[in-house]
Amino acid sequence: MSATKIRPMTPADVDSATALVLAGDWGDRREFFDFAASHAACRPIVAIRDGSIVGTGVGTISGSVGWIGSIFVSPEARGHGVGRALTEATHDALAAAGCRTEVLVATEMGRPLYERIGFDVQCWYRTLEAPGLAAPGLAAEDPATNEADTLVRPFTVDDLETMADLDAQATGEDRHHLLAAFADPTSARCLADSRGTVRGFVVRAPWGGGATIAPDPEDAFRILDARRHAAGPGRRVRAGVIDVNLDGLRRLERAGWTEAWRATRMIRGESLRWRPEWLWGQFNHALG
């Protein structure tokens, strides 16, 4: 096999990178690669052999935490260290940006490689789904606090700082840049109490997946139910929880949510100070 070169992904590479991943049955990642190739906190890379792209990878810098994702190698290039080279090149870019912790979601194929280079299993993501609902039902009384109505409403720019603070406590990361990039009145919803305080939110990425943060499980269910009402009958809505959130898992299962997918979350470097029980949905690919 001829030598493989690892270099940054450019906007001109997006078509070929998209076609490569799509041919590998990993879905259409064009919108994500477009975003990664232009977003200042992303470090997308490609592996080149004989003038063609044979692998991809993306790193995302969120403060001192870096995410690694979209590590894909074409079948004919596997077994020659390309996946490891992509992962280590992404690590180098994240480390150069000051990341002291690296996190990724591993496929069963990729997990042995990541374990060999120092990643440990931290926990599991459990993705559950439920059908959409017909009635709107966006306002509800809060039985836990006996407050007036809490409302799931569209995002406003004034919400961003509170959302970023909740997100940082939940994830241990600084994802302000992602929330600012994705949140608008169409893509994001906030749950606010009678005083206007934001107690939880969901922000959807353009290509699917979305961060859902709520410290209170009752608030989380209000946000998830609002999404189900917005989806309507005939469509399905997904939630993603960390397996250590046993109460959240039991609540979802009792409410009729069923598992659709699970995957290993792996970590390397410094430990995180985070609140996994506040997480009810994730961005995807290399964003956390």
C-alpha atoms as a PDB file:
ATOM      1  CA  MET A   1       0.000   0.000   0.000  1.00  0.00           C
ATOM      2  CA  SER A   2       1.305   3.464  -0.868  1.00  0.00           C
ATOM      3  CA  ALA A   3       1.940   6.003   1.873  1.00  0.00           C
ATOM      4  CA  THR A   4      -1.027   7.698   3.491  1.00  0.00           C
ATOM      5  CA  LYS A   5      -0.923  11.419   4.282  1.00  0.00           C
ATOM      6  CA  ILE A   6      -2.986  13.035   7.041  1.00  0.00           C
ATOM      7  CA  ARG A   7      -3.898  16.690   6.527  1.00  0.00           C
ATOM      8  CA  PRO A   8      -6.637  19.188   7.471  1.00  0.00           C
ATOM      9  CA  MET A   9      -9.972  18.832   5.716  1.00  0.00           C
ATOM     10  CA  THR A  10     -10.851  21.834   3.568  1.00  0.00           C
ATOM     11  CA  PRO A  11     -14.237  22.890   2.176  1.00  0.00           C
ATOM     12  CA  ALA A  12     -13.096  21.472  -1.171  1.00  0.00           C
ATOM     13  CA  ASP A  13     -12.807  18.026   0.461  1.00  0.00           C
ATOM     14  CA  VAL A  14     -16.396  17.908   1.723  1.00  0.00           C
ATOM     15  CA  ASP A  15     -17.913  16.278  -1.384  1.00  0.00           C
ATOM     16  CA  SER A  16     -15.367  13.437  -1.431  1.00  0.00           C
ATOM     17  CA  ALA A  17     -15.441  12.950   2.334  1.00  0.00           C
ATOM     18  CA  THR A  18     -19.231  12.818   2.285  1.00  0.00           C
ATOM     19  CA  ALA A  19     -19.248  10.260  -0.529  1.00  0.00           C
ATOM     20  CA  LEU A  20     -16.694   8.102   1.302  1.00  0.00           C
ATOM     21  CA  VAL A  21     -18.694   7.969   4.531  1.00  0.00           C
ATOM     22  CA  LEU A  22     -22.013   7.547   2.722  1.00  0.00           C
ATOM     23  CA  ALA A  23     -20.636   4.548   0.822  1.00  0.00           C
ATOM     24  CA  GLY A  24     -19.688   3.026   4.179  1.00  0.00           C
ATOM     25  CA  ASP A  25     -23.322   3.197   5.388  1.00  0.00           C
ATOM     26  CA  TRP A  26     -22.500   5.817   8.011  1.00  0.00           C
ATOM     27  CA  GLY A  27     -25.145   8.224   6.764  1.00  0.00           C
ATOM     28  CA  ASP A  28     -25.007  11.569   5.001  1.00  0.00           C
ATOM     29  CA  ARG A  29     -22.569  13.822   6.871  1.00  0.00           C
ATOM     30  CA  ARG A  30     -22.393  16.639   4.334  1.00  0.00           C
ATOM     31  CA  GLU A  31     -23.949  19.275   6.606  1.00  0.00           C
ATOM     32  CA  PHE A  32     -21.719  18.230   9.492  1.00  0.00           C
ATOM     33  CA  PHE A  33     -18.543  18.272   7.393  1.00  0.00           C
ATOM     34  CA  ASP A  34     -19.548  21.663   5.958  1.00  0.00           C
ATOM     35  CA  PHE A  35     -19.902  22.956   9.496  1.00  0.00           C
ATOM     36  CA  ALA A  36     -16.677  21.364  10.753  1.00  0.00           C
ATOM     37  CA  ALA A  37     -14.646  22.706   7.810  1.00  0.00           C
ATOM     38  CA  SER A  38     -15.671  26.282   8.618  1.00  0.00           C
ATOM     39  CA  HIS A  39     -16.190  26.364  12.409  1.00  0.00           C
ATOM     40  CA  ALA A  40     -13.273  27.806  14.355  1.00  0.00           C
ATOM     41  CA  ALA A  41     -13.469  25.238  17.183  1.00  0.00           C
ATOM     42  CA  CYS A  42     -13.416  22.208  14.879  1.00  0.00           C
ATOM     43  CA  ARG A  43     -10.344  20.410  13.578  1.00  0.00           C
ATOM     44  CA  PRO A  44     -11.457  18.204  10.655  1.00  0.00           C
ATOM     45  CA  ILE A  45      -8.850  16.029   8.951  1.00  0.00           C
ATOM     46  CA  VAL A  46      -8.632  13.579   6.069  1.00  0.00           C
ATOM     47  CA  ALA A  47      -6.362  10.690   5.147  1.00  0.00           C
ATOM     48  CA  ILE A  48      -5.129  10.797   1.543  1.00  0.00           C
ATOM     49  CA  ARG A  49      -3.745   7.875  -0.458  1.00  0.00           C
ATOM     50  CA  ASP A  50      -2.953   8.017  -4.177  1.00  0.00           C
ATOM     51  CA  GLY A  51      -4.712  11.368  -4.384  1.00  0.00           C
ATOM     52  CA  SER A  52      -8.003  10.129  -2.926  1.00  0.00           C
ATOM     53  CA  ILE A  53      -9.586  10.537   0.496  1.00  0.00           C
ATOM     54  CA  VAL A  54      -9.576   7.191   2.334  1.00  0.00           C
ATOM     55  CA  GLY A  55     -10.373   8.384   5.863  1.00  0.00           C
ATOM     56  CA  THR A  56     -11.883  11.177   7.905  1.00  0.00           C
ATOM     57  CA  GLY A  57     -11.789  12.480  11.458  1.00  0.00           C
ATOM     58  CA  VAL A  58     -13.004  15.537  13.346  1.00  0.00           C
ATOM     59  CA  GLY A  59     -11.964  17.075  16.638  1.00  0.00           C
ATOM     60  CA  THR A  60     -13.981  19.741  18.456  1.00  0.00           C
ATOM     61  CA  ILE A  61     -12.553  22.054  21.105  1.00  0.00           C
ATOM     62  CA  SER A  62     -14.935  22.844  23.967  1.00  0.00           C
ATOM     63  CA  GLY A  63     -12.761  24.585  26.501  1.00  0.00           C
ATOM     64  CA  SER A  64     -10.351  22.132  28.110  1.00  0.00           C
ATOM     65  CA  VAL A  65     -12.329  19.195  26.706  1.00  0.00           C
ATOM     66  CA  GLY A  66     -11.916  17.916  23.169  1.00  0.00           C
ATOM     67  CA  TRP A  67     -14.227  15.559  21.343  1.00  0.00           C
ATOM     68  CA  ILE A  68     -13.043  13.104  18.694  1.00  0.00           C
ATOM     69  CA  GLY A  69     -15.480  11.716  16.154  1.00  0.00           C
ATOM     70  CA  SER A  70     -16.251  10.736  12.568  1.00  0.00           C
ATOM     71  CA  ILE A  71     -13.160   8.516  12.487  1.00  0.00           C
ATOM     72  CA  PHE A  72     -13.910   6.562   9.331  1.00  0.00           C
ATOM     73  CA  VAL A  73     -11.552   4.540   7.112  1.00  0.00           C
ATOM     74  CA  SER A  74     -12.520   3.039   3.772  1.00  0.00           C
ATOM     75  CA  PRO A  75     -12.598  -0.784   3.825  1.00  0.00           C
ATOM     76  CA  GLU A  76      -9.660  -1.152   1.434  1.00  0.00           C
ATOM     77  CA  ALA A  77      -7.451   1.045   3.645  1.00  0.00           C
ATOM     78  CA  ARG A  78      -8.215  -0.697   6.934  1.00  0.00           C
ATOM     79  CA  GLY A  79      -5.642  -2.741   8.770  1.00  0.00           C
ATOM     80  CA  HIS A  80      -2.770  -0.404   7.915  1.00  0.00           C
ATOM     81  CA  GLY A  81      -2.880   1.993  10.870  1.00  0.00           C
ATOM     82  CA  VAL A  82      -4.933   4.693   9.160  1.00  0.00           C
ATOM     83  CA  GLY A  83      -7.573   4.795  11.919  1.00  0.00           C
ATOM     84  CA  ARG A  84      -4.887   5.166  14.563  1.00  0.00           C
ATOM     85  CA  ALA A  85      -3.114   7.866  12.553  1.00  0.00           C
ATOM     86  CA  LEU A  86      -6.367   9.821  12.191  1.00  0.00           C
ATOM     87  CA  THR A  87      -7.104   9.524  15.913  1.00  0.00           C
ATOM     88  CA  GLU A  88      -3.616  10.590  16.956  1.00  0.00           C
ATOM     89  CA  ALA A  89      -3.605  13.499  14.501  1.00  0.00           C
ATOM     90  CA  THR A  90      -6.898  14.665  15.980  1.00  0.00           C
ATOM     91  CA  HIS A  91      -5.417  14.287  19.472  1.00  0.00           C
ATOM     92  CA  ASP A  92      -2.421  16.406  18.467  1.00  0.00           C
ATOM     93  CA  ALA A  93      -4.704  19.179  17.189  1.00  0.00           C
ATOM     94  CA  LEU A  94      -6.807  19.128  20.365  1.00  0.00           C
ATOM     95  CA  ALA A  95      -3.757  19.065  22.641  1.00  0.00           C
ATOM     96  CA  ALA A  96      -2.253  22.007  20.762  1.00  0.00           C
ATOM     97  CA  ALA A  97      -5.483  23.911  21.471  1.00  0.00           C
ATOM     98  CA  GLY A  98      -5.164  23.254  25.213  1.00  0.00           C
ATOM     99  CA  CYS A  99      -7.533  20.305  25.626  1.00  0.00           C
ATOM    100  CA  ARG A 100      -6.604  18.192  28.654  1.00  0.00           C
ATOM    101  CA  THR A 101      -9.436  15.685  28.343  1.00  0.00           C
ATOM    102  CA  GLU A 102     -10.563  13.811  25.249  1.00  0.00           C
ATOM    103  CA  VAL A 103     -13.921  12.108  24.853  1.00  0.00           C
ATOM    104  CA  LEU A 104     -15.397   9.980  22.089  1.00  0.00           C
ATOM    105  CA  VAL A 105     -18.224   7.570  21.355  1.00  0.00           C
ATOM    106  CA  ALA A 106     -16.827   4.248  20.174  1.00  0.00           C
ATOM    107  CA  THR A 107     -18.248   1.741  17.758  1.00  0.00           C
ATOM    108  CA  GLU A 108     -17.588  -1.900  18.543  1.00  0.00           C
ATOM    109  CA  MET A 109     -15.070  -1.915  15.675  1.00  0.00           C
ATOM    110  CA  GLY A 110     -13.252   1.131  16.979  1.00  0.00           C
ATOM    111  CA  ARG A 111     -13.225   0.379  20.696  1.00  0.00           C
ATOM    112  CA  PRO A 112     -10.174  -1.974  20.707  1.00  0.00           C
ATOM    113  CA  LEU A 113      -8.088   0.686  18.950  1.00  0.00           C
ATOM    114  CA  TYR A 114      -9.110   3.367  21.412  1.00  0.00           C
ATOM    115  CA  GLU A 115      -8.329   1.113  24.362  1.00  0.00           C
ATOM    116  CA  ARG A 116      -4.857   0.443  22.954  1.00  0.00           C
ATOM    117  CA  ILE A 117      -4.077   4.160  22.808  1.00  0.00           C
ATOM    118  CA  GLY A 118      -5.210   4.931  26.337  1.00  0.00           C
ATOM    119  CA  PHE A 119      -8.954   5.541  26.276  1.00  0.00           C
ATOM    120  CA  ASP A 120     -11.037   4.013  29.058  1.00  0.00           C
ATOM    121  CA  VAL A 121     -14.741   3.207  29.076  1.00  0.00           C
ATOM    122  CA  GLN A 122     -16.425   5.921  31.118  1.00  0.00           C
ATOM    123  CA  CYS A 123     -20.080   4.949  30.718  1.00  0.00           C
ATOM    124  CA  TRP A 124     -22.694   4.088  28.101  1.00  0.00           C
ATOM    125  CA  TYR A 125     -25.105   6.246  26.162  1.00  0.00           C
ATOM    126  CA  ARG A 126     -28.628   4.849  26.040  1.00  0.00           C
ATOM    127  CA  THR A 127     -30.816   6.282  23.281  1.00  0.00           C
ATOM    128  CA  LEU A 128     -34.555   5.724  23.662  1.00  0.00           C
ATOM    129  CA  GLU A 129     -37.433   6.724  21.415  1.00  0.00           C
ATOM    130  CA  ALA A 130     -41.156   7.362  21.648  1.00  0.00           C
ATOM    131  CA  PRO A 131     -43.895   8.255  19.156  1.00  0.00           C
ATOM    132  CA  GLY A 132     -44.969  11.826  18.555  1.00  0.00           C
ATOM    133  CA  LEU A 133     -48.127  13.181  20.173  1.00  0.00           C
ATOM    134  CA  ALA A 134     -51.093  15.024  18.712  1.00  0.00           C
ATOM    135  CA  ALA A 135     -52.049  17.643  21.326  1.00  0.00           C
ATOM    136  CA  PRO A 136     -49.797  20.694  21.834  1.00  0.00           C
ATOM    137  CA  GLY A 137     -49.643  20.641  25.681  1.00  0.00           C
ATOM    138  CA  LEU A 138     -46.716  23.042  26.003  1.00  0.00           C
ATOM    139  CA  ALA A 139     -47.643  24.466  29.443  1.00  0.00           C
ATOM    140  CA  ALA A 140     -47.991  22.511  32.644  1.00  0.00           C
ATOM    141  CA  GLU A 141     -48.188  23.051  36.393  1.00  0.00           C
ATOM    142  CA  ASP A 142     -45.087  22.095  38.316  1.00  0.00           C
ATOM    143  CA  PRO A 143     -46.248  19.679  41.052  1.00  0.00           C
ATOM    144  CA  ALA A 144     -42.826  19.555  42.674  1.00  0.00           C
ATOM    145  CA  THR A 145     -42.664  23.282  43.498  1.00  0.00           C
ATOM    146  CA  ASN A 146     -46.319  24.264  43.260  1.00  0.00           C
ATOM    147  CA  GLU A 147     -45.275  27.233  41.134  1.00  0.00           C
ATOM    148  CA  ALA A 148     -47.377  28.764  38.418  1.00  0.00           C
ATOM    149  CA  ASP A 149     -47.071  27.399  34.926  1.00  0.00           C
ATOM    150  CA  THR A 150     -43.700  26.473  33.517  1.00  0.00           C
ATOM    151  CA  LEU A 151     -43.568  27.007  29.788  1.00  0.00           C
ATOM    152  CA  VAL A 152     -41.578  25.395  27.019  1.00  0.00           C
ATOM    153  CA  ARG A 153     -41.098  28.283  24.629  1.00  0.00           C
ATOM    154  CA  PRO A 154     -38.868  29.280  21.700  1.00  0.00           C
ATOM    155  CA  PHE A 155     -35.308  30.383  22.441  1.00  0.00           C
ATOM    156  CA  THR A 156     -34.411  34.058  22.609  1.00  0.00           C
ATOM    157  CA  VAL A 157     -30.905  35.488  22.520  1.00  0.00           C
ATOM    158  CA  ASP A 158     -31.272  36.567  26.150  1.00  0.00           C
ATOM    159  CA  ASP A 159     -31.383  32.869  27.119  1.00  0.00           C
ATOM    160  CA  LEU A 160     -27.949  32.001  25.768  1.00  0.00           C
ATOM    161  CA  GLU A 161     -25.779  32.738  28.809  1.00  0.00           C
ATOM    162  CA  THR A 162     -28.045  30.836  31.221  1.00  0.00           C
ATOM    163  CA  MET A 163     -28.177  27.925  28.808  1.00  0.00           C
ATOM    164  CA  ALA A 164     -24.390  27.898  28.473  1.00  0.00           C
ATOM    165  CA  ASP A 165     -24.006  27.882  32.256  1.00  0.00           C
ATOM    166  CA  LEU A 166     -26.420  24.944  32.660  1.00  0.00           C
ATOM    167  CA  ASP A 167     -24.676  23.143  29.825  1.00  0.00           C
ATOM    168  CA  ALA A 168     -21.228  23.631  31.366  1.00  0.00           C
ATOM    169  CA  GLN A 169     -22.379  22.228  34.687  1.00  0.00           C
ATOM    170  CA  ALA A 170     -23.977  19.247  32.956  1.00  0.00           C
ATOM    171  CA  THR A 171     -21.153  18.362  30.581  1.00  0.00           C
ATOM    172  CA  GLY A 172     -18.000  19.733  32.209  1.00  0.00           C
ATOM    173  CA  GLU A 173     -17.324  21.392  28.838  1.00  0.00           C
ATOM    174  CA  ASP A 174     -17.528  24.892  27.394  1.00  0.00           C
ATOM    175  CA  ARG A 175     -19.984  24.440  24.511  1.00  0.00           C
ATOM    176  CA  HIS A 176     -21.039  28.084  24.334  1.00  0.00           C
ATOM    177  CA  HIS A 177     -19.716  28.177  20.771  1.00  0.00           C
ATOM    178  CA  LEU A 178     -22.011  25.331  19.707  1.00  0.00           C
ATOM    179  CA  LEU A 179     -25.089  26.706  21.427  1.00  0.00           C
ATOM    180  CA  ALA A 180     -24.450  30.091  19.807  1.00  0.00           C
ATOM    181  CA  ALA A 181     -23.998  28.465  16.405  1.00  0.00           C
ATOM    182  CA  PHE A 182     -27.137  26.319  16.504  1.00  0.00           C
ATOM    183  CA  ALA A 183     -29.701  28.030  18.761  1.00  0.00           C
ATOM    184  CA  ASP A 184     -32.446  30.070  17.141  1.00  0.00           C
ATOM    185  CA  PRO A 185     -36.226  30.292  17.719  1.00  0.00           C
ATOM    186  CA  THR A 186     -36.791  27.358  15.346  1.00  0.00           C
ATOM    187  CA  SER A 187     -34.056  24.974  16.509  1.00  0.00           C
ATOM    188  CA  ALA A 188     -34.126  25.603  20.263  1.00  0.00           C
ATOM    189  CA  ARG A 189     -36.695  25.508  23.065  1.00  0.00           C
ATOM    190  CA  CYS A 190     -36.290  26.626  26.660  1.00  0.00           C
ATOM    191  CA  LEU A 191     -38.265  25.674  29.729  1.00  0.00           C
ATOM    192  CA  ALA A 192     -38.764  28.771  31.887  1.00  0.00           C
ATOM    193  CA  ASP A 193     -40.573  29.184  35.176  1.00  0.00           C
ATOM    194  CA  SER A 194     -42.977  31.959  36.174  1.00  0.00           C
ATOM    195  CA  ARG A 195     -40.049  34.293  36.950  1.00  0.00           C
ATOM    196  CA  GLY A 196     -38.600  33.735  33.481  1.00  0.00           C
ATOM    197  CA  THR A 197     -35.670  31.651  34.740  1.00  0.00           C
ATOM    198  CA  VAL A 198     -34.490  29.067  32.228  1.00  0.00           C
ATOM    199  CA  ARG A 199     -34.408  25.665  33.925  1.00  0.00           C
ATOM    200  CA  GLY A 200     -33.735  23.476  30.891  1.00  0.00           C
ATOM    201  CA  PHE A 201     -33.445  23.521  27.128  1.00  0.00           C
ATOM    202  CA  VAL A 202     -33.058  21.586  23.904  1.00  0.00           C
ATOM    203  CA  VAL A 203     -30.937  22.757  20.963  1.00  0.00           C
ATOM    204  CA  ARG A 204     -31.089  20.818  17.716  1.00  0.00           C
ATOM    205  CA  ALA A 205     -28.222  20.645  15.216  1.00  0.00           C
ATOM    206  CA  PRO A 206     -29.148  21.164  11.526  1.00  0.00           C
ATOM    207  CA  TRP A 207     -28.296  17.543  10.652  1.00  0.00           C
ATOM    208  CA  GLY A 208     -30.129  15.968  13.606  1.00  0.00           C
ATOM    209  CA  GLY A 209     -29.327  15.202  17.202  1.00  0.00           C
ATOM    210  CA  GLY A 210     -29.524  17.816  19.884  1.00  0.00           C
ATOM    211  CA  ALA A 211     -28.352  18.785  23.336  1.00  0.00           C
ATOM    212  CA  THR A 212     -31.086  18.450  25.952  1.00  0.00           C
ATOM    213  CA  ILE A 213     -30.180  19.662  29.430  1.00  0.00           C
ATOM    214  CA  ALA A 214     -32.442  19.668  32.501  1.00  0.00           C
ATOM    215  CA  PRO A 215     -31.376  19.273  36.150  1.00  0.00           C
ATOM    216  CA  ASP A 216     -34.935  18.322  37.195  1.00  0.00           C
ATOM    217  CA  PRO A 217     -36.354  15.125  35.623  1.00  0.00           C
ATOM    218  CA  GLU A 218     -39.858  16.636  35.611  1.00  0.00           C
ATOM    219  CA  ASP A 219     -38.543  19.539  33.552  1.00  0.00           C
ATOM    220  CA  ALA A 220     -36.775  17.105  31.243  1.00  0.00           C
ATOM    221  CA  PHE A 221     -40.064  15.326  30.582  1.00  0.00           C
ATOM    222  CA  ARG A 222     -41.804  18.627  29.833  1.00  0.00           C
ATOM    223  CA  ILE A 223     -39.147  19.390  27.219  1.00  0.00           C
ATOM    224  CA  LEU A 224     -39.294  15.884  25.747  1.00  0.00           C
ATOM    225  CA  ASP A 225     -43.098  15.953  25.659  1.00  0.00           C
ATOM    226  CA  ALA A 226     -42.974  19.328  23.899  1.00  0.00           C
ATOM    227  CA  ARG A 227     -40.744  17.744  21.264  1.00  0.00           C
ATOM    228  CA  ARG A 228     -43.193  14.844  20.892  1.00  0.00           C
ATOM    229  CA  HIS A 229     -46.087  17.283  20.414  1.00  0.00           C
ATOM    230  CA  ALA A 230     -44.060  19.246  17.864  1.00  0.00           C
ATOM    231  CA  ALA A 231     -43.224  16.048  15.960  1.00  0.00           C
ATOM    232  CA  GLY A 232     -46.840  14.881  15.860  1.00  0.00           C
ATOM    233  CA  PRO A 233     -48.256  11.400  15.234  1.00  0.00           C
ATOM    234  CA  GLY A 234     -46.421   9.226  12.732  1.00  0.00           C
ATOM    235  CA  ARG A 235     -42.964  10.450  13.723  1.00  0.00           C
ATOM    236  CA  ARG A 236     -40.669   9.369  16.529  1.00  0.00           C
ATOM    237  CA  VAL A 237     -38.600  11.390  18.988  1.00  0.00           C
ATOM    238  CA  ARG A 238     -35.362  10.303  20.630  1.00  0.00           C
ATOM    239  CA  ALA A 239     -33.849  11.002  24.027  1.00  0.00           C
ATOM    240  CA  GLY A 240     -30.339  10.103  25.125  1.00  0.00           C
ATOM    241  CA  VAL A 241     -29.335   9.448  28.720  1.00  0.00           C
ATOM    242  CA  ILE A 242     -26.165   8.244  30.402  1.00  0.00           C
ATOM    243  CA  ASP A 243     -26.523   4.792  31.939  1.00  0.00           C
ATOM    244  CA  VAL A 244     -25.648   6.107  35.415  1.00  0.00           C
ATOM    245  CA  ASN A 245     -28.916   8.061  35.310  1.00  0.00           C
ATOM    246  CA  LEU A 246     -30.922   5.076  36.532  1.00  0.00           C
ATOM    247  CA  ASP A 247     -33.847   7.189  37.687  1.00  0.00           C
ATOM    248  CA  GLY A 248     -34.096   8.843  34.283  1.00  0.00           C
ATOM    249  CA  LEU A 249     -33.954   5.514  32.480  1.00  0.00           C
ATOM    250  CA  ARG A 250     -36.689   4.053  34.675  1.00  0.00           C
ATOM    251  CA  ARG A 251     -38.883   7.114  34.169  1.00  0.00           C
ATOM    252  CA  LEU A 252     -38.503   6.934  30.393  1.00  0.00           C
ATOM    253  CA  GLU A 253     -39.207   3.215  30.288  1.00  0.00           C
ATOM    254  CA  ARG A 254     -42.285   3.593  32.504  1.00  0.00           C
ATOM    255  CA  ALA A 255     -43.517   6.309  30.145  1.00  0.00           C
ATOM    256  CA  GLY A 256     -43.265   3.924  27.183  1.00  0.00           C
ATOM    257  CA  TRP A 257     -39.918   4.946  25.718  1.00  0.00           C
ATOM    258  CA  THR A 258     -38.015   2.027  24.189  1.00  0.00           C
ATOM    259  CA  GLU A 259     -34.300   1.592  23.518  1.00  0.00           C
ATOM    260  CA  ALA A 260     -33.159   2.307  19.977  1.00  0.00           C
ATOM    261  CA  TRP A 261     -29.379   2.385  20.328  1.00  0.00           C
ATOM    262  CA  ARG A 262     -26.533   2.284  22.816  1.00  0.00           C
ATOM    263  CA  ALA A 263     -22.833   3.056  22.569  1.00  0.00           C
ATOM    264  CA  THR A 264     -19.729   3.305  24.703  1.00  0.00           C
ATOM    265  CA  ARG A 265     -18.489   6.686  25.857  1.00  0.00           C
ATOM    266  CA  MET A 266     -14.691   6.663  26.307  1.00  0.00           C
ATOM    267  CA  ILE A 267     -12.332   9.163  27.913  1.00  0.00           C
ATOM    268  CA  ARG A 268      -8.597   9.900  28.033  1.00  0.00           C
ATOM    269  CA  GLY A 269      -6.772  12.489  30.147  1.00  0.00           C
ATOM    270  CA  GLU A 270      -8.055  14.487  33.109  1.00  0.00           C
ATOM    271  CA  SER A 271     -11.320  13.515  34.797  1.00  0.00           C
ATOM    272  CA  LEU A 272     -14.420  15.602  34.183  1.00  0.00           C
ATOM    273  CA  ARG A 273     -16.502  17.478  36.722  1.00  0.00           C
ATOM    274  CA  TRP A 274     -19.929  16.963  35.221  1.00  0.00           C
ATOM    275  CA  ARG A 275     -23.534  16.075  36.009  1.00  0.00           C
ATOM    276  CA  PRO A 276     -24.488  13.185  33.698  1.00  0.00           C
ATOM    277  CA  GLU A 277     -27.961  12.934  35.253  1.00  0.00           C
ATOM    278  CA  TRP A 278     -28.727  16.349  33.728  1.00  0.00           C
ATOM    279  CA  LEU A 279     -28.189  15.038  30.172  1.00  0.00           C
ATOM    280  CA  TRP A 280     -31.285  13.945  28.228  1.00  0.00           C
ATOM    281  CA  GLY A 281     -30.022  14.281  24.667  1.00  0.00           C
ATOM    282  CA  GLN A 282     -26.745  14.820  22.816  1.00  0.00           C
ATOM    283  CA  PHE A 283     -25.340  16.455  19.760  1.00  0.00           C
ATOM    284  CA  ASN A 284     -23.769  13.821  17.549  1.00  0.00           C
ATOM    285  CA  HIS A 285     -20.653  12.989  15.537  1.00  0.00           C
ATOM    286  CA  ALA A 286     -17.780  14.909  17.191  1.00  0.00           C
ATOM    287  CA  LEU A 287     -19.652  17.506  19.221  1.00  0.00           C
ATOM    288  CA  GLY A 288     -20.627  15.684  22.412  1.00  0.00           C
END
